[in-house]
Amino acid sequence: MPSILFDGYRFFFYSNERNEPPHMHVRKGGSETKIWLGTLEFAYNYGFAGQELTRIRRVTRSHLNELYDLWDDHFPG
């Protein structure tokens, strides 16, 4: 399960998710969300307040190239 830490959030994805569009699961504390990298929309949210989702979207946008690189390195081609 590749993962990376930004601003206290753990961004990760599962190795069996190759058939899905690029995305990241994001965890902090007991909360988790899933964000699509192409649209920066959330697929689901468990526990994050709206203000924190805005922050997660901002962090994702600022590290988008690194997150795509992590995805592409794990799923080449």
Protein backbone atom coordinates (compact mmCIF):
# COMPACT_ATOMS: atom_id res chain seq x y z
CA MET A 1 0.00 0.00 0.00
CA PRO A 2 1.97 3.04 -1.23
CA SER A 3 1.60 6.08 1.02
CA ILE A 4 2.99 9.54 1.64
CA LEU A 5 2.48 12.08 4.43
CA PHE A 6 1.57 15.74 3.80
CA ASP A 7 0.54 18.21 6.50
CA GLY A 8 -0.39 15.46 8.93
CA TYR A 9 -2.55 13.58 6.42
CA ARG A 10 -1.62 10.15 5.15
CA PHE A 11 -2.33 9.83 1.42
CA PHE A 12 -2.42 6.26 0.15
CA PHE A 13 -4.05 3.82 -2.24
CA TYR A 14 -4.37 0.07 -2.43
CA SER A 15 -2.41 -2.05 -4.90
CA ASN A 16 -5.60 -3.70 -6.18
CA GLU A 17 -7.10 -0.37 -7.34
CA ARG A 18 -5.40 -0.26 -10.74
CA ASN A 19 -8.75 -0.36 -12.58
CA GLU A 20 -9.99 2.82 -10.91
CA PRO A 21 -9.06 6.34 -12.00
CA PRO A 22 -6.14 7.87 -10.06
CA HIS A 23 -7.20 8.74 -6.54
CA MET A 24 -5.99 8.83 -2.96
CA HIS A 25 -7.46 7.71 0.31
CA VAL A 26 -6.66 10.26 3.01
CA ARG A 27 -6.56 9.44 6.73
CA LYS A 28 -5.98 11.44 9.84
CA GLY A 29 -7.00 10.25 13.26
CA GLY A 30 -10.11 8.12 12.86
CA SER A 31 -11.33 9.91 9.73
CA GLU A 32 -10.93 8.88 6.10
CA THR A 33 -11.91 10.22 2.71
CA LYS A 34 -11.22 9.30 -0.91
CA ILE A 35 -10.39 12.01 -3.44
CA TRP A 36 -10.20 11.65 -7.23
CA LEU A 37 -7.00 13.27 -8.51
CA GLY A 38 -8.50 14.26 -11.86
CA THR A 39 -11.41 16.27 -10.47
CA LEU A 40 -10.46 16.80 -6.82
CA GLU A 41 -13.94 15.58 -5.92
CA PHE A 42 -14.56 13.32 -2.94
CA ALA A 43 -15.85 9.79 -3.53
CA TYR A 44 -16.76 9.39 0.14
CA ASN A 45 -16.05 10.92 3.51
CA TYR A 46 -16.07 9.30 6.93
CA GLY A 47 -15.55 11.75 9.75
CA PHE A 48 -13.93 14.85 8.24
CA ALA A 49 -15.79 18.14 8.71
CA GLY A 50 -16.39 20.37 5.68
CA GLN A 51 -13.61 22.78 6.64
CA GLU A 52 -11.13 19.92 6.82
CA LEU A 53 -12.24 18.60 3.41
CA THR A 54 -11.46 22.04 1.99
CA ARG A 55 -7.99 21.79 3.51
CA ILE A 56 -7.49 18.25 2.14
CA ARG A 57 -8.48 19.47 -1.33
CA ARG A 58 -5.97 22.34 -1.04
CA VAL A 59 -3.17 20.00 0.15
CA THR A 60 -3.99 17.55 -2.65
CA ARG A 61 -3.89 20.33 -5.25
CA SER A 62 -0.54 21.62 -3.98
CA HIS A 63 1.01 18.11 -4.13
CA LEU A 64 -0.84 16.86 -7.18
CA ASN A 65 2.27 16.12 -9.25
CA GLU A 66 3.82 14.10 -6.43
CA LEU A 67 0.60 12.14 -5.92
CA TYR A 68 0.31 11.37 -9.63
CA ASP A 69 3.98 10.29 -9.60
CA LEU A 70 3.28 7.90 -6.71
CA TRP A 71 0.33 6.44 -8.62
CA ASP A 72 2.22 6.19 -11.93
CA ASP A 73 5.28 4.62 -10.31
CA HIS A 74 3.10 1.91 -8.79
CA PHE A 75 0.93 1.39 -11.88
CA PRO A 76 3.27 1.97 -14.85
CA GLY A 77 1.84 2.09 -18.36
